[in-house]
Amino acid sequence: MAPVEFFEAPAKYFRWAIRQKPAIFWALVIGTMGPVMAFTVPPIRNYFGDGPRPQIPLTYPSKSRPTACYTATEGRIPKGPRKIPQGYDD
């Protein structure tokens, strides 16, 4: 049996590919799951209460900016000058 072209008869191509070329068949199955999941997963996550993530800060807090806008990173960024470790000089 000659290979079947996908766009001529997709169902017939899948039947041929599952027997003759299983790697191609599973690649097509997994490849079609991506766009489907892009539209189905976010509503499911919202249903279970997984809301939007806090925005990642794009700048390091400085003295010219108020610290109120960095509440998400409060306590995670050390204050003061950076301590350089000793003994690692080249």
N, C-alpha and C. Protein backbone atom coordinates (compact mmCIF):
# COMPACT_ATOMS: atom_id res chain seq x y z
N MET A 1 0.85 -1.18 0.00
CA MET A 1 0.00 0.00 0.00
C MET A 1 0.89 1.24 0.00
N ALA A 2 0.63 2.16 -0.89
CA ALA A 2 1.39 3.39 -0.98
C ALA A 2 1.01 4.32 0.16
N PRO A 3 1.95 5.16 0.58
CA PRO A 3 1.60 6.10 1.65
C PRO A 3 0.47 7.03 1.24
N VAL A 4 -0.39 7.28 2.17
CA VAL A 4 -1.56 8.12 1.91
C VAL A 4 -1.19 9.56 2.24
N GLU A 5 -1.60 10.50 1.42
CA GLU A 5 -1.38 11.91 1.69
C GLU A 5 -2.36 12.37 2.77
N PHE A 6 -1.87 13.19 3.67
CA PHE A 6 -2.67 13.61 4.82
C PHE A 6 -3.90 14.41 4.41
N PHE A 7 -3.75 15.36 3.50
CA PHE A 7 -4.86 16.26 3.18
C PHE A 7 -5.89 15.62 2.26
N GLU A 8 -5.57 14.49 1.63
CA GLU A 8 -6.57 13.81 0.80
C GLU A 8 -7.61 13.12 1.68
N ALA A 9 -7.14 12.40 2.67
CA ALA A 9 -8.06 11.68 3.56
C ALA A 9 -7.40 11.55 4.93
N PRO A 10 -7.67 12.49 5.83
CA PRO A 10 -6.98 12.46 7.14
C PRO A 10 -7.23 11.19 7.95
N ALA A 11 -8.47 10.69 7.96
CA ALA A 11 -8.76 9.49 8.74
C ALA A 11 -8.01 8.29 8.19
N LYS A 12 -7.96 8.18 6.88
CA LYS A 12 -7.23 7.08 6.25
C LYS A 12 -5.73 7.20 6.51
N TYR A 13 -5.23 8.43 6.51
CA TYR A 13 -3.81 8.65 6.81
C TYR A 13 -3.50 8.24 8.24
N PHE A 14 -4.36 8.57 9.19
CA PHE A 14 -4.12 8.18 10.58
C PHE A 14 -4.12 6.67 10.74
N ARG A 15 -5.03 5.98 10.06
CA ARG A 15 -5.05 4.52 10.14
C ARG A 15 -3.76 3.93 9.57
N TRP A 16 -3.28 4.50 8.47
CA TRP A 16 -2.03 4.03 7.87
C TRP A 16 -0.85 4.34 8.79
N ALA A 17 -0.82 5.56 9.33
CA ALA A 17 0.32 5.99 10.13
C ALA A 17 0.41 5.24 11.45
N ILE A 18 -0.71 4.86 12.04
CA ILE A 18 -0.64 4.16 13.32
C ILE A 18 -0.03 2.77 13.16
N ARG A 19 -0.17 2.18 11.97
CA ARG A 19 0.43 0.87 11.73
C ARG A 19 1.85 0.97 11.17
N GLN A 20 2.03 1.83 10.19
CA GLN A 20 3.31 1.88 9.47
C GLN A 20 4.33 2.82 10.11
N LYS A 21 3.88 3.95 10.60
CA LYS A 21 4.78 4.96 11.16
C LYS A 21 4.20 5.48 12.48
N PRO A 22 4.31 4.72 13.56
CA PRO A 22 3.70 5.16 14.83
C PRO A 22 4.31 6.44 15.39
N ALA A 23 5.58 6.71 15.09
CA ALA A 23 6.19 7.95 15.60
C ALA A 23 5.53 9.16 14.96
N ILE A 24 5.21 9.08 13.68
CA ILE A 24 4.53 10.19 13.01
C ILE A 24 3.13 10.36 13.57
N PHE A 25 2.44 9.24 13.80
CA PHE A 25 1.08 9.31 14.34
C PHE A 25 1.07 9.99 15.70
N TRP A 26 1.95 9.57 16.60
CA TRP A 26 1.94 10.15 17.94
C TRP A 26 2.45 11.59 17.93
N ALA A 27 3.33 11.92 16.99
CA ALA A 27 3.76 13.32 16.86
C ALA A 27 2.59 14.19 16.45
N LEU A 28 1.74 13.70 15.56
CA LEU A 28 0.55 14.46 15.15
C LEU A 28 -0.44 14.58 16.30
N VAL A 29 -0.61 13.52 17.07
CA VAL A 29 -1.54 13.56 18.20
C VAL A 29 -1.06 14.57 19.25
N ILE A 30 0.21 14.49 19.61
CA ILE A 30 0.75 15.41 20.62
C ILE A 30 0.78 16.84 20.08
N GLY A 31 1.07 17.00 18.79
CA GLY A 31 1.09 18.33 18.19
C GLY A 31 -0.26 19.00 18.15
N THR A 32 -1.32 18.22 17.99
CA THR A 32 -2.66 18.82 17.99
C THR A 32 -3.15 19.12 19.41
N MET A 33 -2.54 18.49 20.41
CA MET A 33 -2.96 18.77 21.79
C MET A 33 -2.53 20.16 22.25
N GLY A 34 -1.45 20.70 21.71
CA GLY A 34 -0.95 22.01 22.13
C GLY A 34 -1.95 23.13 21.94
N PRO A 35 -2.45 23.36 20.72
CA PRO A 35 -3.43 24.44 20.54
C PRO A 35 -4.73 24.19 21.30
N VAL A 36 -5.13 22.94 21.42
CA VAL A 36 -6.36 22.63 22.17
C VAL A 36 -6.17 22.99 23.64
N MET A 37 -5.02 22.65 24.21
CA MET A 37 -4.77 22.96 25.62
C MET A 37 -4.60 24.45 25.86
N ALA A 38 -4.14 25.19 24.86
CA ALA A 38 -3.98 26.64 25.02
C ALA A 38 -5.32 27.32 25.29
N PHE A 39 -6.39 26.75 24.77
CA PHE A 39 -7.71 27.34 24.98
C PHE A 39 -8.49 26.70 26.12
N THR A 40 -8.14 25.49 26.53
CA THR A 40 -8.92 24.82 27.57
C THR A 40 -8.30 24.91 28.96
N VAL A 41 -6.99 24.96 29.08
CA VAL A 41 -6.35 24.93 30.40
C VAL A 41 -6.57 26.22 31.21
N PRO A 42 -6.43 27.44 30.64
CA PRO A 42 -6.63 28.63 31.48
C PRO A 42 -8.00 28.73 32.14
N PRO A 43 -9.12 28.43 31.46
CA PRO A 43 -10.39 28.46 32.19
C PRO A 43 -10.48 27.42 33.30
N ILE A 44 -9.87 26.26 33.09
CA ILE A 44 -9.89 25.23 34.13
C ILE A 44 -9.08 25.69 35.34
N ARG A 45 -7.93 26.32 35.09
CA ARG A 45 -7.10 26.83 36.20
C ARG A 45 -7.83 27.93 36.96
N ASN A 46 -8.53 28.80 36.25
CA ASN A 46 -9.31 29.85 36.93
C ASN A 46 -10.43 29.25 37.75
N TYR A 47 -11.04 28.18 37.27
CA TYR A 47 -12.12 27.53 38.00
C TYR A 47 -11.62 26.98 39.34
N PHE A 48 -10.40 26.46 39.36
CA PHE A 48 -9.84 25.90 40.58
C PHE A 48 -9.15 26.94 41.45
N GLY A 49 -9.24 28.22 41.09
CA GLY A 49 -8.74 29.28 41.94
C GLY A 49 -7.30 29.69 41.71
N ASP A 50 -6.71 29.28 40.62
CA ASP A 50 -5.33 29.66 40.32
C ASP A 50 -5.37 30.97 39.55
N GLY A 51 -5.24 32.08 40.26
CA GLY A 51 -5.38 33.40 39.67
C GLY A 51 -4.12 33.85 38.96
N PRO A 52 -4.11 35.11 38.55
CA PRO A 52 -2.93 35.63 37.85
C PRO A 52 -1.73 35.75 38.79
N ARG A 53 -0.57 35.58 38.24
CA ARG A 53 0.67 35.66 39.01
C ARG A 53 1.04 37.10 39.29
N PRO A 54 1.74 37.38 40.41
CA PRO A 54 2.23 38.74 40.64
C PRO A 54 3.30 39.08 39.60
N GLN A 55 3.34 40.34 39.23
CA GLN A 55 4.27 40.77 38.20
C GLN A 55 5.71 40.71 38.70
N ILE A 56 6.61 40.24 37.85
CA ILE A 56 8.02 40.14 38.21
C ILE A 56 8.63 41.53 38.15
N PRO A 57 9.36 41.96 39.20
CA PRO A 57 9.98 43.29 39.14
C PRO A 57 11.08 43.32 38.09
N LEU A 58 11.10 44.39 37.32
CA LEU A 58 12.07 44.52 36.24
C LEU A 58 13.28 45.35 36.63
N THR A 59 13.23 46.01 37.79
CA THR A 59 14.36 46.83 38.22
C THR A 59 14.68 46.50 39.67
N TYR A 60 15.88 46.79 40.06
CA TYR A 60 16.31 46.62 41.44
C TYR A 60 15.89 47.86 42.23
N PRO A 61 15.37 47.70 43.43
CA PRO A 61 14.93 48.87 44.20
C PRO A 61 16.09 49.84 44.47
N SER A 62 15.84 51.10 44.24
CA SER A 62 16.88 52.11 44.50
C SER A 62 16.33 53.16 45.46
N LYS A 63 17.20 54.09 45.89
CA LYS A 63 16.78 55.12 46.83
C LYS A 63 15.90 56.17 46.18
N SER A 64 15.96 56.29 44.85
CA SER A 64 15.15 57.30 44.18
C SER A 64 13.70 56.85 44.00
N ARG A 65 13.44 55.55 44.13
CA ARG A 65 12.08 55.04 43.98
C ARG A 65 11.52 54.67 45.35
N PRO A 66 10.23 54.85 45.54
CA PRO A 66 9.63 54.43 46.81
C PRO A 66 9.60 52.90 46.90
N THR A 67 9.71 52.39 48.11
CA THR A 67 9.71 50.94 48.29
C THR A 67 8.31 50.36 48.29
N ALA A 68 7.27 51.20 48.24
CA ALA A 68 5.91 50.68 48.25
C ALA A 68 5.60 49.88 47.00
N CYS A 69 6.25 50.20 45.88
CA CYS A 69 5.96 49.47 44.66
C CYS A 69 6.69 48.14 44.61
N TYR A 70 7.51 47.83 45.61
CA TYR A 70 8.24 46.57 45.63
C TYR A 70 7.73 45.65 46.73
N THR A 71 6.46 45.68 47.01
CA THR A 71 5.93 44.87 48.11
C THR A 71 6.04 43.38 47.83
N ALA A 72 6.02 42.97 46.56
CA ALA A 72 6.09 41.55 46.25
C ALA A 72 7.46 40.98 46.58
N THR A 73 8.50 41.82 46.53
CA THR A 73 9.86 41.33 46.79
C THR A 73 10.36 41.75 48.16
N GLU A 74 9.48 42.23 49.01
CA GLU A 74 9.91 42.72 50.32
C GLU A 74 10.54 41.60 51.13
N GLY A 75 11.73 41.85 51.63
CA GLY A 75 12.42 40.85 52.42
C GLY A 75 13.26 39.89 51.60
N ARG A 76 13.15 39.91 50.30
CA ARG A 76 13.90 38.99 49.47
C ARG A 76 15.17 39.62 48.91
N ILE A 77 15.19 40.93 48.77
CA ILE A 77 16.35 41.63 48.23
C ILE A 77 17.09 42.25 49.41
N PRO A 78 18.36 41.89 49.60
CA PRO A 78 19.09 42.42 50.75
C PRO A 78 19.32 43.92 50.62
N LYS A 79 19.34 44.60 51.78
CA LYS A 79 19.59 46.04 51.80
C LYS A 79 21.06 46.29 52.04
N GLY A 80 21.54 47.41 51.53
CA GLY A 80 22.93 47.78 51.72
C GLY A 80 23.81 47.31 50.58
N PRO A 81 25.11 47.57 50.71
CA PRO A 81 26.02 47.18 49.64
C PRO A 81 26.20 45.67 49.58
N ARG A 82 26.59 45.21 48.42
CA ARG A 82 26.79 43.78 48.20
C ARG A 82 28.07 43.34 48.90
N LYS A 83 28.00 42.20 49.61
CA LYS A 83 29.17 41.66 50.29
C LYS A 83 29.92 40.76 49.30
N ILE A 84 31.16 41.13 49.01
CA ILE A 84 31.96 40.36 48.07
C ILE A 84 32.70 39.27 48.83
N PRO A 85 32.54 37.99 48.43
CA PRO A 85 33.22 36.92 49.15
C PRO A 85 34.74 37.00 48.97
N GLN A 86 35.46 36.64 50.02
CA GLN A 86 36.92 36.70 50.01
C GLN A 86 37.49 35.33 49.62
N GLY A 87 38.68 35.35 49.01
CA GLY A 87 39.37 34.11 48.70
C GLY A 87 39.08 33.54 47.33
N TYR A 88 38.35 34.25 46.49
CA TYR A 88 38.05 33.75 45.16
C TYR A 88 38.69 34.61 44.07
N ASP A 89 39.75 35.32 44.40
CA ASP A 89 40.42 36.17 43.43
C ASP A 89 41.25 35.32 42.48
N ASP A 90 41.34 35.77 41.24
CA ASP A 90 42.17 35.06 40.25
C ASP A 90 43.59 35.52 40.32
